[in-house]
Structures are given as structure tokens and as C-alpha cells.
């Protein structure tokens, strides 16, 4: 059975992007970026890095490279 860790990596990237977009349009009157910072660091950064390392462990070098490089983009 082949396990794909791409789903967790894509979820963390998509959810962080959604929260950032909602903050940018001013949804629900949010003016402080606290929720975006936490989501980008932990869900966006750490989950992407873990998904990349899991992809490397199962032999998917392309997935590991893509997810690991994206994990350093979101917190920046």
C-alpha cells in the first residue's frame, strides 16, 4: 500500500493561503495578523517540512524537494 503525504502538504499550503487571503480582504473586520502568523509558521511551515521529509522517506524525491522548499517560503 502506497501512502501519499501530498495531501497533508497541500492542505497546509491551501489553508494558510486561505487564511492569508481572508485577512487581506478584511473579512469579519480582522485587523491584526496574529492568526496568519501562527498558521504560516506551524501549519504552513512545519507541516510542509514534515510532509517533505515523509515523501523523502518513501522515495519520492520530487515531492520531498517541492514540499520542503515550500515550507521555507510560507513563514518568510
N, C-alpha and C. Protein backbone atom coordinates (compact mmCIF):
# COMPACT_ATOMS: atom_id res chain seq x y z
N UNK A 1 0.84 -1.17 0.00
CA UNK A 1 0.00 0.00 0.00
C UNK A 1 0.89 1.25 0.00
N UNK A 2 0.66 2.12 -0.94
CA UNK A 2 1.44 3.35 -1.09
C UNK A 2 0.73 4.48 -0.37
N UNK A 3 1.42 5.15 0.51
CA UNK A 3 0.86 6.28 1.25
C UNK A 3 1.35 7.56 0.61
N UNK A 4 0.43 8.47 0.34
CA UNK A 4 0.78 9.75 -0.25
C UNK A 4 0.69 10.84 0.81
N UNK A 5 1.79 11.50 1.06
CA UNK A 5 1.81 12.57 2.04
C UNK A 5 1.55 13.91 1.39
N UNK A 6 1.28 13.90 0.11
CA UNK A 6 1.00 15.15 -0.59
C UNK A 6 -0.27 15.80 -0.08
N UNK A 7 -1.22 14.99 0.38
CA UNK A 7 -2.48 15.55 0.85
C UNK A 7 -2.29 16.45 2.06
N UNK A 8 -1.47 16.03 3.01
CA UNK A 8 -1.24 16.87 4.19
C UNK A 8 -0.47 18.13 3.81
N UNK A 9 0.47 18.01 2.89
CA UNK A 9 1.22 19.18 2.45
C UNK A 9 0.35 20.17 1.70
N UNK A 10 -0.51 19.66 0.83
CA UNK A 10 -1.39 20.55 0.08
C UNK A 10 -2.44 21.19 0.98
N UNK A 11 -2.93 20.44 1.96
CA UNK A 11 -3.89 21.02 2.90
C UNK A 11 -3.27 22.16 3.68
N UNK A 12 -2.05 21.98 4.16
CA UNK A 12 -1.43 23.04 4.96
C UNK A 12 -1.14 24.27 4.12
N UNK A 13 -0.74 24.07 2.87
CA UNK A 13 -0.49 25.22 1.98
C UNK A 13 -1.80 25.93 1.65
N UNK A 14 -2.84 25.17 1.33
CA UNK A 14 -4.12 25.77 0.94
C UNK A 14 -4.79 26.49 2.10
N UNK A 15 -4.75 25.90 3.28
CA UNK A 15 -5.41 26.54 4.42
C UNK A 15 -4.68 27.81 4.83
N UNK A 16 -3.36 27.81 4.77
CA UNK A 16 -2.62 29.03 5.09
C UNK A 16 -2.89 30.12 4.06
N UNK A 17 -2.96 29.75 2.79
CA UNK A 17 -3.26 30.72 1.74
C UNK A 17 -4.68 31.27 1.89
N UNK A 18 -5.63 30.43 2.29
CA UNK A 18 -7.00 30.88 2.50
C UNK A 18 -7.07 31.88 3.65
N UNK A 19 -6.43 31.57 4.77
CA UNK A 19 -6.44 32.49 5.91
C UNK A 19 -5.78 33.81 5.55
N UNK A 20 -4.67 33.76 4.81
CA UNK A 20 -4.00 35.00 4.40
C UNK A 20 -4.88 35.81 3.46
N UNK A 21 -5.57 35.17 2.56
CA UNK A 21 -6.46 35.88 1.64
C UNK A 21 -7.64 36.51 2.38
N UNK A 22 -8.19 35.80 3.34
CA UNK A 22 -9.29 36.37 4.14
C UNK A 22 -8.81 37.58 4.94
N UNK A 23 -7.60 37.52 5.44
CA UNK A 23 -7.05 38.68 6.15
C UNK A 23 -6.84 39.85 5.19
N UNK A 24 -6.36 39.57 3.98
CA UNK A 24 -6.09 40.65 3.02
C UNK A 24 -7.35 41.37 2.58
N UNK A 25 -8.47 40.66 2.49
CA UNK A 25 -9.72 41.33 2.08
C UNK A 25 -10.46 41.92 3.26
N UNK A 26 -9.96 41.70 4.48
CA UNK A 26 -10.58 42.28 5.66
C UNK A 26 -11.86 41.58 6.08
N UNK A 27 -11.93 40.30 5.89
CA UNK A 27 -13.13 39.54 6.23
C UNK A 27 -13.35 39.59 7.75
N UNK A 28 -14.57 39.84 8.15
CA UNK A 28 -15.00 39.87 9.55
C UNK A 28 -14.27 40.92 10.38
N UNK A 29 -13.71 41.92 9.73
CA UNK A 29 -13.09 43.04 10.43
C UNK A 29 -11.79 42.73 11.15
N UNK A 30 -11.09 41.69 10.74
CA UNK A 30 -9.82 41.33 11.37
C UNK A 30 -8.76 42.34 10.93
N UNK A 31 -8.10 42.95 11.91
CA UNK A 31 -7.08 43.95 11.58
C UNK A 31 -5.68 43.55 12.04
N UNK A 32 -5.57 42.62 12.96
CA UNK A 32 -4.24 42.16 13.42
C UNK A 32 -3.91 40.83 12.78
N UNK A 33 -2.69 40.67 12.32
CA UNK A 33 -2.33 39.45 11.57
C UNK A 33 -1.91 38.27 12.44
N UNK A 34 -2.36 38.20 13.69
CA UNK A 34 -1.93 37.13 14.59
C UNK A 34 -2.28 35.75 14.06
N UNK A 35 -3.47 35.58 13.55
CA UNK A 35 -3.90 34.26 13.08
C UNK A 35 -3.10 33.84 11.84
N UNK A 36 -2.72 34.79 11.02
CA UNK A 36 -1.95 34.46 9.82
C UNK A 36 -0.53 34.03 10.19
N UNK A 37 0.06 34.68 11.16
CA UNK A 37 1.42 34.35 11.57
C UNK A 37 1.48 32.94 12.16
N UNK A 38 0.54 32.63 13.04
CA UNK A 38 0.51 31.29 13.63
C UNK A 38 0.26 30.21 12.60
N UNK A 39 -0.66 30.47 11.69
CA UNK A 39 -0.97 29.49 10.64
C UNK A 39 0.22 29.31 9.71
N UNK A 40 0.90 30.38 9.36
CA UNK A 40 2.04 30.27 8.44
C UNK A 40 3.21 29.54 9.07
N UNK A 41 3.46 29.78 10.35
CA UNK A 41 4.59 29.14 10.99
C UNK A 41 4.36 27.66 11.26
N UNK A 42 3.22 27.33 11.84
CA UNK A 42 3.02 25.97 12.29
C UNK A 42 2.36 25.09 11.24
N UNK A 43 1.24 25.51 10.73
CA UNK A 43 0.57 24.66 9.74
C UNK A 43 1.25 24.77 8.38
N UNK A 44 1.59 25.96 7.98
CA UNK A 44 2.21 26.15 6.67
C UNK A 44 3.66 25.71 6.62
N UNK A 45 4.43 26.05 7.62
CA UNK A 45 5.86 25.74 7.60
C UNK A 45 6.20 24.36 8.12
N UNK A 46 5.77 24.06 9.33
CA UNK A 46 6.14 22.80 9.95
C UNK A 46 5.49 21.60 9.27
N UNK A 47 4.21 21.72 8.94
CA UNK A 47 3.53 20.59 8.29
C UNK A 47 4.10 20.33 6.90
N UNK A 48 4.45 21.38 6.17
CA UNK A 48 5.06 21.20 4.86
C UNK A 48 6.41 20.51 4.98
N UNK A 49 7.20 20.91 5.96
CA UNK A 49 8.51 20.30 6.15
C UNK A 49 8.38 18.83 6.52
N UNK A 50 7.46 18.52 7.42
CA UNK A 50 7.24 17.12 7.78
C UNK A 50 6.74 16.30 6.60
N UNK A 51 5.83 16.85 5.82
CA UNK A 51 5.35 16.13 4.63
C UNK A 51 6.48 15.92 3.64
N UNK A 52 7.36 16.90 3.50
CA UNK A 52 8.50 16.74 2.60
C UNK A 52 9.46 15.65 3.06
N UNK A 53 9.70 15.59 4.35
CA UNK A 53 10.61 14.55 4.87
C UNK A 53 9.98 13.16 4.78
N UNK A 54 8.67 13.07 4.95
CA UNK A 54 7.98 11.79 4.77
C UNK A 54 8.02 11.34 3.32
N UNK A 55 7.89 12.30 2.41
CA UNK A 55 7.99 11.97 0.99
C UNK A 55 9.39 11.45 0.66
N UNK A 56 10.40 12.04 1.27
CA UNK A 56 11.77 11.58 1.05
C UNK A 56 11.97 10.18 1.59
N UNK A 57 11.35 9.89 2.72
CA UNK A 57 11.49 8.57 3.34
C UNK A 57 10.87 7.46 2.50
N UNK A 58 9.81 7.77 1.74
CA UNK A 58 9.19 6.75 0.90
C UNK A 58 9.77 6.74 -0.52
N UNK A 59 10.74 7.61 -0.79
CA UNK A 59 11.44 7.57 -2.07
C UNK A 59 10.96 8.54 -3.12
N UNK A 60 10.10 9.47 -2.78
CA UNK A 60 9.60 10.46 -3.73
C UNK A 60 10.45 11.73 -3.60
N UNK A 61 11.53 11.78 -4.35
CA UNK A 61 12.46 12.89 -4.25
C UNK A 61 11.85 14.20 -4.76
N UNK A 62 11.06 14.12 -5.82
CA UNK A 62 10.43 15.32 -6.36
C UNK A 62 9.46 15.94 -5.35
N UNK A 63 8.63 15.11 -4.74
CA UNK A 63 7.70 15.61 -3.72
C UNK A 63 8.42 16.17 -2.52
N UNK A 64 9.51 15.52 -2.12
CA UNK A 64 10.28 16.00 -0.98
C UNK A 64 10.91 17.36 -1.26
N UNK A 65 11.42 17.54 -2.46
CA UNK A 65 12.03 18.82 -2.82
C UNK A 65 10.99 19.93 -2.87
N UNK A 66 9.86 19.65 -3.49
CA UNK A 66 8.81 20.66 -3.63
C UNK A 66 8.23 21.08 -2.30
N UNK A 67 7.92 20.13 -1.46
CA UNK A 67 7.30 20.45 -0.18
C UNK A 67 8.29 21.09 0.79
N UNK A 68 9.50 20.61 0.79
CA UNK A 68 10.49 21.20 1.70
C UNK A 68 10.82 22.63 1.32
N UNK A 69 10.92 22.92 0.03
CA UNK A 69 11.21 24.29 -0.38
C UNK A 69 10.02 25.21 -0.12
N UNK A 70 8.81 24.70 -0.26
CA UNK A 70 7.62 25.50 0.05
C UNK A 70 7.49 25.76 1.54
N UNK A 71 8.04 24.86 2.36
CA UNK A 71 7.91 25.05 3.81
C UNK A 71 8.71 26.26 4.27
N UNK A 72 9.76 26.62 3.56
CA UNK A 72 10.54 27.79 3.96
C UNK A 72 10.00 29.07 3.35
N UNK A 73 9.12 28.95 2.35
CA UNK A 73 8.53 30.13 1.72
C UNK A 73 7.42 30.73 2.58
N UNK A 74 6.53 29.91 3.13
CA UNK A 74 5.38 30.42 3.84
C UNK A 74 5.72 31.24 5.09
N UNK A 75 6.62 30.79 5.96
CA UNK A 75 6.91 31.61 7.14
C UNK A 75 7.66 32.91 6.84
N UNK A 76 8.23 33.05 5.67
CA UNK A 76 9.04 34.24 5.39
C UNK A 76 8.19 35.48 5.14
